[in-house]
Amino acid sequence: MEMLLDVISVKTRDDYTMELVFENGEKRIFDMSPFLDKKPFIKLLNSPLFFKASVQYGTVVWPGNIDIAPETLWSRSVQA
């Protein structure tokens, strides 16, 4: 069963990875690159929009109603 943990902080990096901290205190790195050719994330590629990521409702969101499921962030990230 997948962990259902909220994201409590996000820091974007130039290589389209994000440093995440989850509510259990674990720090993880998520690579956004594989998602950037898919809607709605294509809007983030080569755009300053990517760097406007923030945490709302326990997950990472961007302006324009773009978000990603916290389960995806957890299961596809690696420990920092």
Protein backbone atom coordinates (compact mmCIF):
# COMPACT_ATOMS: atom_id res chain seq x y z
CA MET A 1 0.00 0.00 0.00
CA GLU A 2 1.33 3.43 -0.91
CA MET A 3 2.17 5.94 1.76
CA LEU A 4 -0.31 8.79 1.97
CA LEU A 5 1.88 11.56 3.28
CA ASP A 6 1.44 15.28 2.75
CA VAL A 7 4.20 17.38 1.28
CA ILE A 8 5.14 20.21 3.64
CA SER A 9 7.82 21.98 1.57
CA VAL A 10 9.15 22.13 -1.98
CA LYS A 11 12.24 23.66 -3.54
CA THR A 12 12.64 23.58 -7.32
CA ARG A 13 16.02 23.12 -8.99
CA ASP A 14 17.30 24.07 -12.45
CA ASP A 15 17.40 20.42 -13.60
CA TYR A 16 13.61 20.03 -13.15
CA THR A 17 13.98 18.16 -9.92
CA MET A 18 12.30 19.18 -6.71
CA GLU A 19 13.50 18.82 -3.14
CA LEU A 20 10.51 17.73 -1.10
CA VAL A 21 9.93 17.38 2.61
CA PHE A 22 7.07 15.15 3.68
CA GLU A 23 5.08 15.35 6.91
CA ASN A 24 7.08 12.44 8.39
CA GLY A 25 10.22 14.60 8.07
CA GLU A 26 11.68 12.62 5.17
CA LYS A 27 13.51 14.62 2.52
CA ARG A 28 13.19 13.27 -1.01
CA ILE A 29 14.11 14.28 -4.58
CA PHE A 30 11.48 14.08 -7.31
CA ASP A 31 12.44 14.29 -11.00
CA MET A 32 9.75 16.16 -12.90
CA SER A 33 11.43 15.60 -16.32
CA PRO A 34 9.43 12.48 -17.34
CA PHE A 35 6.18 14.41 -16.88
CA LEU A 36 7.05 17.56 -18.83
CA ASP A 37 5.86 16.22 -22.20
CA LYS A 38 2.39 15.46 -20.81
CA LYS A 39 -0.57 17.74 -20.14
CA PRO A 40 -0.86 19.82 -18.05
CA PHE A 41 2.84 19.75 -17.11
CA ILE A 42 4.03 20.70 -20.61
CA LYS A 43 3.30 24.30 -19.57
CA LEU A 44 6.16 24.06 -17.06
CA LEU A 45 8.87 23.14 -19.59
CA ASN A 46 11.28 25.98 -20.39
CA SER A 47 9.09 28.29 -18.36
CA PRO A 48 9.62 30.34 -15.21
CA LEU A 49 6.30 28.81 -14.12
CA PHE A 50 8.14 25.67 -12.95
CA PHE A 51 9.95 27.72 -10.30
CA LYS A 52 6.64 29.03 -8.90
CA ALA A 53 5.84 25.67 -7.31
CA SER A 54 4.32 25.86 -3.85
CA VAL A 55 2.66 23.55 -1.37
CA GLN A 56 -1.11 23.63 -0.96
CA TYR A 57 -3.46 20.95 0.30
CA GLY A 58 -0.54 18.62 1.04
CA THR A 59 0.88 18.52 -2.47
CA VAL A 60 2.86 20.57 -5.00
CA VAL A 61 0.90 23.04 -7.10
CA TRP A 62 1.65 25.65 -9.76
CA PRO A 63 -0.31 28.67 -10.97
CA GLY A 64 -2.93 27.77 -13.57
CA ASN A 65 -4.52 24.88 -11.65
CA ILE A 66 -1.57 22.52 -12.16
CA ASP A 67 -0.86 19.99 -9.42
CA ILE A 68 0.54 16.52 -8.94
CA ALA A 69 -0.70 13.80 -6.61
CA PRO A 70 1.24 13.46 -3.37
CA GLU A 71 1.23 9.65 -3.82
CA THR A 72 3.09 10.13 -7.11
CA LEU A 73 5.58 12.47 -5.48
CA TRP A 74 6.26 9.92 -2.76
CA SER A 75 6.41 6.76 -4.87
CA ARG A 76 8.54 8.22 -7.66
CA SER A 77 10.99 10.14 -5.50
CA VAL A 78 14.25 9.00 -3.96
CA GLN A 79 15.61 9.69 -0.53
CA ALA A 80 17.79 12.81 -0.42
